[in-house]
Amino acid sequence: MSPSSEVEVVLPAALHARPAAEVVRVAAGFRATVEVRHGDRSAPARSALRLMSLGAKAGATVTVHAAGDDATGAAEAVATALRLTK
């Protein structure tokens, strides 16, 4: 069984093109599969278009879920990227 990790994040800004691109850049540095969830929707962290389609606005809570060898580091790195969005 591969390790997994989950982190909740309150977004300081809407998940639009620039922050979505930063999340994709960060997620690409890991082998783990990373997913961002908002409500009943989810998107892979390596797809800017799918991330933007979540419709997450400033103040929304999203969950970052990662699975794989480096899941903990991947989840934390993506969560940090989301917290720093402006």
C-alpha atoms as a PDB file:
ATOM      1  CA  MET A   1       0.000   0.000   0.000  1.00  0.00           C
ATOM      2  CA  SER A   2       1.442   3.386  -0.966  1.00  0.00           C
ATOM      3  CA  PRO A   3       1.390   6.233   1.546  1.00  0.00           C
ATOM      4  CA  SER A   4      -1.114   9.060   1.272  1.00  0.00           C
ATOM      5  CA  SER A   5      -1.498  12.482   2.825  1.00  0.00           C
ATOM      6  CA  GLU A   6      -4.293  15.049   3.047  1.00  0.00           C
ATOM      7  CA  VAL A   7      -4.181  18.762   3.936  1.00  0.00           C
ATOM      8  CA  GLU A   8      -6.992  21.351   4.159  1.00  0.00           C
ATOM      9  CA  VAL A   9      -6.281  24.865   2.900  1.00  0.00           C
ATOM     10  CA  VAL A  10      -8.288  28.099   3.107  1.00  0.00           C
ATOM     11  CA  LEU A  11      -7.545  30.012  -0.089  1.00  0.00           C
ATOM     12  CA  PRO A  12      -6.409  33.623   0.318  1.00  0.00           C
ATOM     13  CA  ALA A  13      -7.431  34.343  -3.306  1.00  0.00           C
ATOM     14  CA  ALA A  14      -9.508  32.698  -6.023  1.00  0.00           C
ATOM     15  CA  LEU A  15      -7.923  29.771  -7.834  1.00  0.00           C
ATOM     16  CA  HIS A  16      -7.432  31.529 -11.176  1.00  0.00           C
ATOM     17  CA  ALA A  17      -4.772  31.126 -13.920  1.00  0.00           C
ATOM     18  CA  ARG A  18      -1.649  32.369 -12.136  1.00  0.00           C
ATOM     19  CA  PRO A  19      -2.052  30.380  -8.889  1.00  0.00           C
ATOM     20  CA  ALA A  20      -3.235  27.323 -10.824  1.00  0.00           C
ATOM     21  CA  ALA A  21      -0.069  27.462 -12.940  1.00  0.00           C
ATOM     22  CA  GLU A  22       2.048  27.656  -9.763  1.00  0.00           C
ATOM     23  CA  VAL A  23       0.282  24.601  -8.313  1.00  0.00           C
ATOM     24  CA  VAL A  24       0.955  22.699 -11.556  1.00  0.00           C
ATOM     25  CA  ARG A  25       4.633  23.691 -11.413  1.00  0.00           C
ATOM     26  CA  VAL A  26       4.964  22.527  -7.802  1.00  0.00           C
ATOM     27  CA  ALA A  27       3.044  19.260  -8.339  1.00  0.00           C
ATOM     28  CA  ALA A  28       5.219  18.391 -11.337  1.00  0.00           C
ATOM     29  CA  GLY A  29       8.214  18.116  -9.020  1.00  0.00           C
ATOM     30  CA  PHE A  30       6.798  15.035  -7.281  1.00  0.00           C
ATOM     31  CA  ARG A  31       6.071  11.453  -8.278  1.00  0.00           C
ATOM     32  CA  ALA A  32       2.926  11.322  -6.129  1.00  0.00           C
ATOM     33  CA  THR A  33      -0.508  11.739  -7.652  1.00  0.00           C
ATOM     34  CA  VAL A  34      -1.955  14.957  -6.220  1.00  0.00           C
ATOM     35  CA  GLU A  35      -5.603  15.992  -6.337  1.00  0.00           C
ATOM     36  CA  VAL A  36      -7.306  19.192  -5.167  1.00  0.00           C
ATOM     37  CA  ARG A  37     -10.908  18.870  -3.963  1.00  0.00           C
ATOM     38  CA  HIS A  38     -13.492  21.623  -3.535  1.00  0.00           C
ATOM     39  CA  GLY A  39     -16.980  20.587  -2.514  1.00  0.00           C
ATOM     40  CA  ASP A  40     -17.994  17.594  -4.604  1.00  0.00           C
ATOM     41  CA  ARG A  41     -15.497  18.403  -7.377  1.00  0.00           C
ATOM     42  CA  SER A  42     -11.877  17.370  -7.747  1.00  0.00           C
ATOM     43  CA  ALA A  43      -9.044  18.091 -10.154  1.00  0.00           C
ATOM     44  CA  PRO A  44      -5.548  16.756 -10.670  1.00  0.00           C
ATOM     45  CA  ALA A  45      -2.946  19.224  -9.431  1.00  0.00           C
ATOM     46  CA  ARG A  46      -1.103  18.892 -12.749  1.00  0.00           C
ATOM     47  CA  SER A  47      -3.946  20.437 -14.780  1.00  0.00           C
ATOM     48  CA  ALA A  48      -4.363  24.221 -14.576  1.00  0.00           C
ATOM     49  CA  LEU A  49      -7.633  24.154 -16.524  1.00  0.00           C
ATOM     50  CA  ARG A  50      -9.165  21.494 -14.298  1.00  0.00           C
ATOM     51  CA  LEU A  51      -8.002  23.362 -11.168  1.00  0.00           C
ATOM     52  CA  MET A  52      -9.648  26.566 -12.387  1.00  0.00           C
ATOM     53  CA  SER A  53     -12.838  24.633 -13.181  1.00  0.00           C
ATOM     54  CA  LEU A  54     -13.241  23.878  -9.459  1.00  0.00           C
ATOM     55  CA  GLY A  55     -14.571  27.432  -9.055  1.00  0.00           C
ATOM     56  CA  ALA A  56     -12.805  27.922  -5.713  1.00  0.00           C
ATOM     57  CA  LYS A  57     -13.050  31.545  -4.579  1.00  0.00           C
ATOM     58  CA  ALA A  58     -11.097  33.460  -1.933  1.00  0.00           C
ATOM     59  CA  GLY A  59     -11.929  32.101   1.513  1.00  0.00           C
ATOM     60  CA  ALA A  60     -12.963  28.683   0.175  1.00  0.00           C
ATOM     61  CA  THR A  61     -11.598  25.580   1.843  1.00  0.00           C
ATOM     62  CA  VAL A  62      -9.997  23.035  -0.466  1.00  0.00           C
ATOM     63  CA  THR A  63      -8.459  19.675   0.365  1.00  0.00           C
ATOM     64  CA  VAL A  64      -5.178  18.502  -1.121  1.00  0.00           C
ATOM     65  CA  HIS A  65      -4.883  14.713  -1.331  1.00  0.00           C
ATOM     66  CA  ALA A  66      -1.702  12.985  -2.453  1.00  0.00           C
ATOM     67  CA  ALA A  67      -0.884   9.307  -2.896  1.00  0.00           C
ATOM     68  CA  GLY A  68       2.453   7.714  -3.700  1.00  0.00           C
ATOM     69  CA  ASP A  69       6.025   7.458  -2.482  1.00  0.00           C
ATOM     70  CA  ASP A  70       6.468  11.171  -1.769  1.00  0.00           C
ATOM     71  CA  ALA A  71       2.833  11.916  -0.882  1.00  0.00           C
ATOM     72  CA  THR A  72       3.499  13.835   2.322  1.00  0.00           C
ATOM     73  CA  GLY A  73       5.962  16.220   0.701  1.00  0.00           C
ATOM     74  CA  ALA A  74       3.755  16.632  -2.361  1.00  0.00           C
ATOM     75  CA  ALA A  75       0.621  17.444  -0.327  1.00  0.00           C
ATOM     76  CA  GLU A  76       2.478  19.951   1.837  1.00  0.00           C
ATOM     77  CA  ALA A  77       4.166  21.640  -1.146  1.00  0.00           C
ATOM     78  CA  VAL A  78       0.905  22.003  -3.078  1.00  0.00           C
ATOM     79  CA  ALA A  79      -0.876  23.245   0.068  1.00  0.00           C
ATOM     80  CA  THR A  80       1.856  25.847   0.549  1.00  0.00           C
ATOM     81  CA  ALA A  81       1.520  26.961  -3.079  1.00  0.00           C
ATOM     82  CA  LEU A  82      -2.235  27.347  -2.581  1.00  0.00           C
ATOM     83  CA  ARG A  83      -1.777  29.350   0.635  1.00  0.00           C
ATOM     84  CA  LEU A  84       0.545  31.775  -1.157  1.00  0.00           C
ATOM     85  CA  THR A  85      -1.804  32.468  -4.082  1.00  0.00           C
ATOM     86  CA  LYS A  86      -2.531  36.120  -4.723  1.00  0.00           C
END
